[in-house]
Amino acid sequence: MVAGANSINTNAGALIALQNLNSVNASLDSTQERVSTGLKVIGAVDDASNFAIAQGIRGDLKSFEAVSQGIANARGVSNVALAATTSISDLAGDIQAKITEGLNAGNTSEQQAILQADFANLVAQVNTFIANAEFNGRNVLSAASTNANVISNIDGSTLVLRSGSELQTQSVTLGVQSISSTVAALQALSFISTFQQSVNTVLGTLGADTRAINFQDEFLDEVTDATEVGLGSIVDADLARESAKLQALQVQQQLSTQSLGIANARPQILLGLFQ
């Protein structure tokens, strides 16, 4: 015989039923929280070690995002500079053709003057392309520019976006050239050849640096995706499992409530013995 089984002061059955109900309610609250958030590790109370690991991974993901923003900015700078240099390369061919026309000894002075004006306009356009090759306040084609170090990973490693500052320096020199005479045009022809070589060099370096930046950006996207998957395996809840568990706990809650009701009704039964 259980002590206090017929006691109205100590209802052991009700206490046990209440303990079971509290346990079921606690599990139900935890499961409902997992279902509503989609997470099995919400805070350090749930799983201190995995929560600490997850927080570190979340920090890495924020760092990856910051690096990606820096790379995106560098890609904008390089793409604008590359577009400008390509246009300058095309324009350099037109300038060379204009200089070649100026070498014609049969040109009249009026024709030579027209060629000189066209030449000056083309060179001015080169300078305009260079001045407009700016993205977010950065222009790697300006004479004052230097190589830009672009952060490429959360470990602090960098890529280099090389400057093409020689283009503006040489375009200024190109602007003082003249094709007003065949002798002057011959000198200008020699310089435009040097200028075109510089343009081709800058095209090559900008193209290579832009490819490297694009490759690193794609790599970071893949690493970020893999990191997010890893984080999910640590903290994400199995919603199918949690949903099934939720239904089972709801049934247990109903049964525990009924058991508590039965246990609490026992003293009323004892009172009937005194009637």
C-alpha atoms as a PDB file:
ATOM      1  CA  MET A   1       0.000   0.000   0.000  1.00  0.00           C
ATOM      2  CA  VAL A   2       1.386   3.386  -0.988  1.00  0.00           C
ATOM      3  CA  ALA A   3       1.734   5.820   1.928  1.00  0.00           C
ATOM      4  CA  GLY A   4      -0.809   8.574   1.730  1.00  0.00           C
ATOM      5  CA  ALA A   5      -2.802   6.796  -0.974  1.00  0.00           C
ATOM      6  CA  ASN A   6      -6.051   7.724   0.774  1.00  0.00           C
ATOM      7  CA  SER A   7      -4.849  11.041   2.187  1.00  0.00           C
ATOM      8  CA  ILE A   8      -6.542  14.339   1.502  1.00  0.00           C
ATOM      9  CA  ASN A   9      -3.470  16.272   2.723  1.00  0.00           C
ATOM     10  CA  THR A  10      -0.932  14.677   0.406  1.00  0.00           C
ATOM     11  CA  ASN A  11      -2.170  13.651  -3.031  1.00  0.00           C
ATOM     12  CA  ALA A  12       0.794  11.671  -4.357  1.00  0.00           C
ATOM     13  CA  GLY A  13      -0.981  10.758  -7.562  1.00  0.00           C
ATOM     14  CA  ALA A  14      -1.691  14.404  -8.326  1.00  0.00           C
ATOM     15  CA  LEU A  15       1.927  15.352  -7.656  1.00  0.00           C
ATOM     16  CA  ILE A  16       3.190  12.675 -10.032  1.00  0.00           C
ATOM     17  CA  ALA A  17       0.626  13.658 -12.660  1.00  0.00           C
ATOM     18  CA  LEU A  18       1.620  17.318 -12.252  1.00  0.00           C
ATOM     19  CA  GLN A  19       5.311  16.471 -12.682  1.00  0.00           C
ATOM     20  CA  ASN A  20       4.514  14.558 -15.862  1.00  0.00           C
ATOM     21  CA  LEU A  21       2.385  17.422 -17.163  1.00  0.00           C
ATOM     22  CA  ASN A  22       5.136  19.961 -16.440  1.00  0.00           C
ATOM     23  CA  SER A  23       7.674  17.772 -18.238  1.00  0.00           C
ATOM     24  CA  VAL A  24       5.400  17.372 -21.246  1.00  0.00           C
ATOM     25  CA  ASN A  25       4.673  21.117 -21.314  1.00  0.00           C
ATOM     26  CA  ALA A  26       8.393  21.935 -21.222  1.00  0.00           C
ATOM     27  CA  SER A  27       9.075  19.552 -24.119  1.00  0.00           C
ATOM     28  CA  LEU A  28       6.079  20.938 -25.982  1.00  0.00           C
ATOM     29  CA  ASP A  29       7.297  24.532 -25.530  1.00  0.00           C
ATOM     30  CA  SER A  30      10.761  23.550 -26.799  1.00  0.00           C
ATOM     31  CA  THR A  31       9.335  21.721 -29.814  1.00  0.00           C
ATOM     32  CA  GLN A  32       6.968  24.577 -30.669  1.00  0.00           C
ATOM     33  CA  GLU A  33       9.900  26.986 -30.540  1.00  0.00           C
ATOM     34  CA  ARG A  34      11.872  24.779 -32.946  1.00  0.00           C
ATOM     35  CA  VAL A  35       8.927  24.566 -35.319  1.00  0.00           C
ATOM     36  CA  SER A  36       8.305  28.325 -35.232  1.00  0.00           C
ATOM     37  CA  THR A  37      11.979  29.313 -35.680  1.00  0.00           C
ATOM     38  CA  GLY A  38      13.168  26.378 -37.782  1.00  0.00           C
ATOM     39  CA  LEU A  39      16.176  26.077 -35.450  1.00  0.00           C
ATOM     40  CA  LYS A  40      17.152  23.308 -33.086  1.00  0.00           C
ATOM     41  CA  VAL A  41      19.894  25.427 -31.469  1.00  0.00           C
ATOM     42  CA  ILE A  42      18.436  28.830 -30.687  1.00  0.00           C
ATOM     43  CA  GLY A  43      20.665  29.874 -27.811  1.00  0.00           C
ATOM     44  CA  ALA A  44      23.441  28.706 -25.539  1.00  0.00           C
ATOM     45  CA  VAL A  45      20.877  27.092 -23.212  1.00  0.00           C
ATOM     46  CA  ASP A  46      19.910  24.623 -25.949  1.00  0.00           C
ATOM     47  CA  ASP A  47      23.452  23.504 -26.738  1.00  0.00           C
ATOM     48  CA  ALA A  48      26.308  25.672 -25.494  1.00  0.00           C
ATOM     49  CA  SER A  49      29.088  24.165 -27.618  1.00  0.00           C
ATOM     50  CA  ASN A  50      27.149  24.061 -30.891  1.00  0.00           C
ATOM     51  CA  PHE A  51      25.748  27.543 -30.291  1.00  0.00           C
ATOM     52  CA  ALA A  52      29.293  28.879 -29.803  1.00  0.00           C
ATOM     53  CA  ILE A  53      30.409  27.152 -33.007  1.00  0.00           C
ATOM     54  CA  ALA A  54      27.386  28.521 -34.863  1.00  0.00           C
ATOM     55  CA  GLN A  55      28.091  32.051 -33.655  1.00  0.00           C
ATOM     56  CA  GLY A  56      31.651  31.786 -34.960  1.00  0.00           C
ATOM     57  CA  ILE A  57      30.369  30.602 -38.335  1.00  0.00           C
ATOM     58  CA  ARG A  58      27.851  33.448 -38.433  1.00  0.00           C
ATOM     59  CA  GLY A  59      30.735  35.844 -37.837  1.00  0.00           C
ATOM     60  CA  ASP A  60      32.604  34.300 -40.769  1.00  0.00           C
ATOM     61  CA  LEU A  61      29.539  34.707 -42.981  1.00  0.00           C
ATOM     62  CA  LYS A  62      29.341  38.413 -42.115  1.00  0.00           C
ATOM     63  CA  SER A  63      33.037  38.728 -42.933  1.00  0.00           C
ATOM     64  CA  PHE A  64      32.520  36.963 -46.279  1.00  0.00           C
ATOM     65  CA  GLU A  65      29.754  39.457 -47.029  1.00  0.00           C
ATOM     66  CA  ALA A  66      32.087  42.375 -46.275  1.00  0.00           C
ATOM     67  CA  VAL A  67      34.802  40.887 -48.502  1.00  0.00           C
ATOM     68  CA  SER A  68      32.288  40.346 -51.305  1.00  0.00           C
ATOM     69  CA  GLN A  69      31.242  43.995 -51.084  1.00  0.00           C
ATOM     70  CA  GLY A  70      34.881  45.059 -51.399  1.00  0.00           C
ATOM     71  CA  ILE A  71      35.396  42.758 -54.371  1.00  0.00           C
ATOM     72  CA  ALA A  72      32.226  44.072 -56.012  1.00  0.00           C
ATOM     73  CA  ASN A  73      33.545  47.609 -55.668  1.00  0.00           C
ATOM     74  CA  ALA A  74      36.924  46.604 -57.140  1.00  0.00           C
ATOM     75  CA  ARG A  75      35.160  44.821 -59.997  1.00  0.00           C
ATOM     76  CA  GLY A  76      33.246  48.013 -60.742  1.00  0.00           C
ATOM     77  CA  VAL A  77      36.480  50.024 -60.814  1.00  0.00           C
ATOM     78  CA  SER A  78      38.223  47.499 -63.058  1.00  0.00           C
ATOM     79  CA  ASN A  79      35.278  47.078 -65.437  1.00  0.00           C
ATOM     80  CA  VAL A  80      34.913  50.831 -65.934  1.00  0.00           C
ATOM     81  CA  ALA A  81      38.674  51.227 -66.444  1.00  0.00           C
ATOM     82  CA  LEU A  82      38.707  48.299 -68.873  1.00  0.00           C
ATOM     83  CA  ALA A  83      35.826  49.754 -70.881  1.00  0.00           C
ATOM     84  CA  ALA A  84      37.545  53.142 -71.047  1.00  0.00           C
ATOM     85  CA  THR A  85      40.870  51.611 -72.099  1.00  0.00           C
ATOM     86  CA  THR A  86      39.160  49.569 -74.810  1.00  0.00           C
ATOM     87  CA  SER A  87      37.558  52.735 -76.162  1.00  0.00           C
ATOM     88  CA  ILE A  88      40.930  54.489 -76.019  1.00  0.00           C
ATOM     89  CA  SER A  89      42.482  51.600 -77.931  1.00  0.00           C
ATOM     90  CA  ASP A  90      39.856  51.980 -80.659  1.00  0.00           C
ATOM     91  CA  LEU A  91      40.392  55.735 -80.699  1.00  0.00           C
ATOM     92  CA  ALA A  92      44.165  55.332 -80.947  1.00  0.00           C
ATOM     93  CA  GLY A  93      43.654  53.636 -84.309  1.00  0.00           C
ATOM     94  CA  ASP A  94      41.667  56.639 -85.521  1.00  0.00           C
ATOM     95  CA  ILE A  95      44.409  58.974 -84.264  1.00  0.00           C
ATOM     96  CA  GLN A  96      47.045  56.957 -86.096  1.00  0.00           C
ATOM     97  CA  ALA A  97      44.989  57.137 -89.278  1.00  0.00           C
ATOM     98  CA  LYS A  98      44.662  60.908 -88.892  1.00  0.00           C
ATOM     99  CA  ILE A  99      48.429  61.251 -88.385  1.00  0.00           C
ATOM    100  CA  THR A 100      49.035  59.131 -91.470  1.00  0.00           C
ATOM    101  CA  GLU A 101      46.817  61.475 -93.465  1.00  0.00           C
ATOM    102  CA  GLY A 102      48.938  64.340 -92.172  1.00  0.00           C
ATOM    103  CA  LEU A 103      52.045  62.724 -93.694  1.00  0.00           C
ATOM    104  CA  ASN A 104      50.713  63.338 -97.186  1.00  0.00           C
ATOM    105  CA  ALA A 105      53.018  65.909 -98.765  1.00  0.00           C
ATOM    106  CA  GLY A 106      50.256  66.801-101.215  1.00  0.00           C
ATOM    107  CA  ASN A 107      48.046  68.276 -98.511  1.00  0.00           C
ATOM    108  CA  THR A 108      47.352  71.977 -98.739  1.00  0.00           C
ATOM    109  CA  SER A 109      47.854  74.169 -95.685  1.00  0.00           C
ATOM    110  CA  GLU A 110      44.079  74.322 -95.232  1.00  0.00           C
ATOM    111  CA  GLN A 111      43.798  70.536 -95.383  1.00  0.00           C
ATOM    112  CA  GLN A 112      46.654  70.188 -92.903  1.00  0.00           C
ATOM    113  CA  ALA A 113      44.873  72.602 -90.555  1.00  0.00           C
ATOM    114  CA  ILE A 114      41.674  70.561 -90.771  1.00  0.00           C
ATOM    115  CA  LEU A 115      43.650  67.389 -89.995  1.00  0.00           C
ATOM    116  CA  GLN A 116      45.276  69.138 -87.040  1.00  0.00           C
ATOM    117  CA  ALA A 117      41.855  70.143 -85.666  1.00  0.00           C
ATOM    118  CA  ASP A 118      40.535  66.588 -86.065  1.00  0.00           C
ATOM    119  CA  PHE A 119      43.668  65.224 -84.402  1.00  0.00           C
ATOM    120  CA  ALA A 120      43.262  67.591 -81.450  1.00  0.00           C
ATOM    121  CA  ASN A 121      39.615  66.596 -81.023  1.00  0.00           C
ATOM    122  CA  LEU A 122      40.485  62.894 -80.991  1.00  0.00           C
ATOM    123  CA  VAL A 123      43.194  63.424 -78.381  1.00  0.00           C
ATOM    124  CA  ALA A 124      40.756  65.464 -76.281  1.00  0.00           C
ATOM    125  CA  GLN A 125      38.353  62.533 -76.440  1.00  0.00           C
ATOM    126  CA  VAL A 126      41.087  60.257 -75.096  1.00  0.00           C
ATOM    127  CA  ASN A 127      41.477  62.571 -72.119  1.00  0.00           C
ATOM    128  CA  THR A 128      37.705  62.572 -71.617  1.00  0.00           C
ATOM    129  CA  PHE A 129      37.617  58.757 -71.568  1.00  0.00           C
ATOM    130  CA  ILE A 130      40.361  58.717 -68.946  1.00  0.00           C
ATOM    131  CA  ALA A 131      38.682  61.376 -66.779  1.00  0.00           C
ATOM    132  CA  ASN A 132      35.374  59.494 -66.902  1.00  0.00           C
ATOM    133  CA  ALA A 133      36.881  56.114 -66.023  1.00  0.00           C
ATOM    134  CA  GLU A 134      35.843  56.540 -62.389  1.00  0.00           C
ATOM    135  CA  PHE A 135      33.795  54.245 -60.181  1.00  0.00           C
ATOM    136  CA  ASN A 136      32.885  55.079 -56.595  1.00  0.00           C
ATOM    137  CA  GLY A 137      35.544  57.764 -56.468  1.00  0.00           C
ATOM    138  CA  ARG A 138      38.372  55.554 -57.806  1.00  0.00           C
ATOM    139  CA  ASN A 139      40.066  55.950 -61.196  1.00  0.00           C
ATOM    140  CA  VAL A 140      43.035  53.672 -61.887  1.00  0.00           C
ATOM    141  CA  LEU A 141      43.768  55.443 -65.186  1.00  0.00           C
ATOM    142  CA  SER A 142      44.445  58.842 -63.681  1.00  0.00           C
ATOM    143  CA  ALA A 143      48.036  60.023 -63.428  1.00  0.00           C
ATOM    144  CA  ALA A 144      47.745  60.178 -59.624  1.00  0.00           C
ATOM    145  CA  SER A 145      46.495  56.607 -59.243  1.00  0.00           C
ATOM    146  CA  THR A 146      48.455  53.739 -57.705  1.00  0.00           C
ATOM    147  CA  ASN A 147      47.960  49.995 -57.533  1.00  0.00           C
ATOM    148  CA  ALA A 148      44.877  49.077 -55.495  1.00  0.00           C
ATOM    149  CA  ASN A 149      45.028  46.219 -52.992  1.00  0.00           C
ATOM    150  CA  VAL A 150      41.678  44.448 -52.919  1.00  0.00           C
ATOM    151  CA  ILE A 151      40.859  42.294 -49.879  1.00  0.00           C
ATOM    152  CA  SER A 152      40.045  38.862 -51.266  1.00  0.00           C
ATOM    153  CA  ASN A 153      39.349  36.653 -48.251  1.00  0.00           C
ATOM    154  CA  ILE A 154      38.528  36.833 -44.555  1.00  0.00           C
ATOM    155  CA  ASP A 155      42.133  35.918 -43.712  1.00  0.00           C
ATOM    156  CA  GLY A 156      43.188  39.367 -44.955  1.00  0.00           C
ATOM    157  CA  SER A 157      44.787  38.190 -48.209  1.00  0.00           C
ATOM    158  CA  THR A 158      44.547  40.601 -51.135  1.00  0.00           C
ATOM    159  CA  LEU A 159      44.497  40.836 -54.909  1.00  0.00           C
ATOM    160  CA  VAL A 160      46.136  43.701 -56.784  1.00  0.00           C
ATOM    161  CA  LEU A 161      44.339  45.897 -59.285  1.00  0.00           C
ATOM    162  CA  ARG A 162      47.199  47.502 -61.167  1.00  0.00           C
ATOM    163  CA  SER A 163      47.180  51.156 -62.100  1.00  0.00           C
ATOM    164  CA  GLY A 164      47.241  52.378 -65.680  1.00  0.00           C
ATOM    165  CA  SER A 165      48.404  55.866 -64.731  1.00  0.00           C
ATOM    166  CA  GLU A 166      50.818  56.008 -67.672  1.00  0.00           C
ATOM    167  CA  LEU A 167      47.868  56.475 -70.039  1.00  0.00           C
ATOM    168  CA  GLN A 168      46.970  59.899 -68.699  1.00  0.00           C
ATOM    169  CA  THR A 169      50.635  60.914 -68.531  1.00  0.00           C
ATOM    170  CA  GLN A 170      51.149  59.949 -72.155  1.00  0.00           C
ATOM    171  CA  SER A 171      47.822  61.392 -73.302  1.00  0.00           C
ATOM    172  CA  VAL A 172      48.979  64.780 -72.011  1.00  0.00           C
ATOM    173  CA  THR A 173      52.151  64.439 -74.086  1.00  0.00           C
ATOM    174  CA  LEU A 174      50.062  63.276 -77.036  1.00  0.00           C
ATOM    175  CA  GLY A 175      48.005  66.447 -76.697  1.00  0.00           C
ATOM    176  CA  VAL A 176      51.020  68.656 -77.390  1.00  0.00           C
ATOM    177  CA  GLN A 177      51.877  66.795 -80.581  1.00  0.00           C
ATOM    178  CA  SER A 178      51.121  68.449 -83.886  1.00  0.00           C
ATOM    179  CA  ILE A 179      50.378  67.267 -87.399  1.00  0.00           C
ATOM    180  CA  SER A 180      50.247  70.737 -88.852  1.00  0.00           C
ATOM    181  CA  SER A 181      53.123  69.733 -91.130  1.00  0.00           C
ATOM    182  CA  THR A 182      54.463  66.488 -92.537  1.00  0.00           C
ATOM    183  CA  VAL A 183      57.563  66.789 -90.352  1.00  0.00           C
ATOM    184  CA  ALA A 184      55.440  67.241 -87.222  1.00  0.00           C
ATOM    185  CA  ALA A 185      53.174  64.385 -88.304  1.00  0.00           C
ATOM    186  CA  LEU A 186      56.175  62.080 -88.601  1.00  0.00           C
ATOM    187  CA  GLN A 187      57.148  62.837 -85.004  1.00  0.00           C
ATOM    188  CA  ALA A 188      53.554  62.308 -83.862  1.00  0.00           C
ATOM    189  CA  LEU A 189      53.486  58.943 -85.661  1.00  0.00           C
ATOM    190  CA  SER A 190      56.412  57.741 -83.584  1.00  0.00           C
ATOM    191  CA  PHE A 191      54.720  58.814 -80.369  1.00  0.00           C
ATOM    192  CA  ILE A 192      51.328  57.284 -81.196  1.00  0.00           C
ATOM    193  CA  SER A 193      53.099  53.952 -81.649  1.00  0.00           C
ATOM    194  CA  THR A 194      54.499  54.221 -78.116  1.00  0.00           C
ATOM    195  CA  PHE A 195      51.089  55.257 -76.824  1.00  0.00           C
ATOM    196  CA  GLN A 196      49.383  52.272 -78.443  1.00  0.00           C
ATOM    197  CA  GLN A 197      51.904  49.928 -76.842  1.00  0.00           C
ATOM    198  CA  SER A 198      51.072  51.423 -73.451  1.00  0.00           C
ATOM    199  CA  VAL A 199      47.353  51.048 -74.113  1.00  0.00           C
ATOM    200  CA  ASN A 200      47.843  47.391 -75.026  1.00  0.00           C
ATOM    201  CA  THR A 201      49.869  46.816 -71.843  1.00  0.00           C
ATOM    202  CA  VAL A 202      47.181  48.407 -69.683  1.00  0.00           C
ATOM    203  CA  LEU A 203      44.507  46.376 -71.468  1.00  0.00           C
ATOM    204  CA  GLY A 204      46.436  43.214 -70.667  1.00  0.00           C
ATOM    205  CA  THR A 205      46.971  43.995 -66.988  1.00  0.00           C
ATOM    206  CA  LEU A 206      43.418  45.221 -66.453  1.00  0.00           C
ATOM    207  CA  GLY A 207      42.014  42.171 -68.211  1.00  0.00           C
ATOM    208  CA  ALA A 208      44.127  39.794 -66.109  1.00  0.00           C
ATOM    209  CA  ASP A 209      43.325  41.594 -62.859  1.00  0.00           C
ATOM    210  CA  THR A 210      39.604  41.691 -63.674  1.00  0.00           C
ATOM    211  CA  ARG A 211      39.581  37.950 -64.367  1.00  0.00           C
ATOM    212  CA  ALA A 212      41.344  37.282 -61.057  1.00  0.00           C
ATOM    213  CA  ILE A 213      38.780  39.418 -59.218  1.00  0.00           C
ATOM    214  CA  ASN A 214      35.886  37.653 -60.943  1.00  0.00           C
ATOM    215  CA  PHE A 215      37.325  34.212 -60.166  1.00  0.00           C
ATOM    216  CA  GLN A 216      37.776  35.136 -56.502  1.00  0.00           C
ATOM    217  CA  ASP A 217      34.234  36.483 -56.317  1.00  0.00           C
ATOM    218  CA  GLU A 218      32.858  33.211 -57.716  1.00  0.00           C
ATOM    219  CA  PHE A 219      35.017  31.242 -55.279  1.00  0.00           C
ATOM    220  CA  LEU A 220      33.748  33.274 -52.320  1.00  0.00           C
ATOM    221  CA  ASP A 221      30.158  32.645 -53.421  1.00  0.00           C
ATOM    222  CA  GLU A 222      30.841  28.899 -53.378  1.00  0.00           C
ATOM    223  CA  VAL A 223      32.591  29.064 -50.001  1.00  0.00           C
ATOM    224  CA  THR A 224      29.764  31.147 -48.537  1.00  0.00           C
ATOM    225  CA  ASP A 225      27.152  28.673 -49.783  1.00  0.00           C
ATOM    226  CA  ALA A 226      29.100  25.740 -48.332  1.00  0.00           C
ATOM    227  CA  THR A 227      29.516  27.574 -45.019  1.00  0.00           C
ATOM    228  CA  GLU A 228      25.790  28.288 -44.823  1.00  0.00           C
ATOM    229  CA  VAL A 229      25.046  24.614 -45.465  1.00  0.00           C
ATOM    230  CA  GLY A 230      27.461  23.678 -42.681  1.00  0.00           C
ATOM    231  CA  LEU A 231      25.801  26.144 -40.323  1.00  0.00           C
ATOM    232  CA  GLY A 232      22.416  24.715 -41.193  1.00  0.00           C
ATOM    233  CA  SER A 233      23.518  21.200 -40.317  1.00  0.00           C
ATOM    234  CA  ILE A 234      24.436  22.469 -36.841  1.00  0.00           C
ATOM    235  CA  VAL A 235      21.457  24.663 -35.974  1.00  0.00           C
ATOM    236  CA  ASP A 236      18.581  23.862 -38.346  1.00  0.00           C
ATOM    237  CA  ALA A 237      15.728  21.737 -37.026  1.00  0.00           C
ATOM    238  CA  ASP A 238      14.315  18.728 -38.868  1.00  0.00           C
ATOM    239  CA  LEU A 239      10.836  20.168 -39.278  1.00  0.00           C
ATOM    240  CA  ALA A 240       9.268  16.871 -40.348  1.00  0.00           C
ATOM    241  CA  ARG A 241      10.576  15.173 -37.213  1.00  0.00           C
ATOM    242  CA  GLU A 242       9.666  18.134 -35.007  1.00  0.00           C
ATOM    243  CA  SER A 243       6.151  18.255 -36.459  1.00  0.00           C
ATOM    244  CA  ALA A 244       5.591  14.585 -35.659  1.00  0.00           C
ATOM    245  CA  LYS A 245       7.018  15.104 -32.183  1.00  0.00           C
ATOM    246  CA  LEU A 246       4.746  18.115 -31.679  1.00  0.00           C
ATOM    247  CA  GLN A 247       1.646  16.066 -32.392  1.00  0.00           C
ATOM    248  CA  ALA A 248       2.791  13.294 -30.037  1.00  0.00           C
ATOM    249  CA  LEU A 249       3.450  15.784 -27.254  1.00  0.00           C
ATOM    250  CA  GLN A 250       0.054  17.381 -27.723  1.00  0.00           C
ATOM    251  CA  VAL A 251      -1.536  13.963 -27.194  1.00  0.00           C
ATOM    252  CA  GLN A 252       0.677  13.401 -24.122  1.00  0.00           C
ATOM    253  CA  GLN A 253      -0.376  16.803 -22.804  1.00  0.00           C
ATOM    254  CA  GLN A 254      -4.036  15.861 -23.105  1.00  0.00           C
ATOM    255  CA  LEU A 255      -3.455  12.538 -21.361  1.00  0.00           C
ATOM    256  CA  SER A 256      -1.392  14.174 -18.598  1.00  0.00           C
ATOM    257  CA  THR A 257      -4.131  16.733 -18.067  1.00  0.00           C
ATOM    258  CA  GLN A 258      -6.719  13.979 -17.804  1.00  0.00           C
ATOM    259  CA  SER A 259      -4.499  12.021 -15.371  1.00  0.00           C
ATOM    260  CA  LEU A 260      -4.104  15.110 -13.206  1.00  0.00           C
ATOM    261  CA  GLY A 261      -7.855  15.612 -13.234  1.00  0.00           C
ATOM    262  CA  ILE A 262      -8.416  12.020 -12.144  1.00  0.00           C
ATOM    263  CA  ALA A 263      -5.805  12.313  -9.381  1.00  0.00           C
ATOM    264  CA  ASN A 264      -7.332  15.555  -8.115  1.00  0.00           C
ATOM    265  CA  ALA A 265     -10.784  13.965  -8.088  1.00  0.00           C
ATOM    266  CA  ARG A 266      -9.670  11.179  -5.680  1.00  0.00           C
ATOM    267  CA  PRO A 267     -10.130  13.251  -2.484  1.00  0.00           C
ATOM    268  CA  GLN A 268     -13.714  13.941  -3.574  1.00  0.00           C
ATOM    269  CA  ILE A 269     -14.274  10.194  -3.672  1.00  0.00           C
ATOM    270  CA  LEU A 270     -12.966   9.856  -0.092  1.00  0.00           C
ATOM    271  CA  LEU A 271     -15.413  12.513   1.038  1.00  0.00           C
ATOM    272  CA  GLY A 272     -18.233  10.272  -0.179  1.00  0.00           C
ATOM    273  CA  LEU A 273     -17.296   7.715   2.455  1.00  0.00           C
ATOM    274  CA  PHE A 274     -18.393  10.129   5.175  1.00  0.00           C
ATOM    275  CA  GLN A 275     -21.840  10.763   3.835  1.00  0.00           C
END
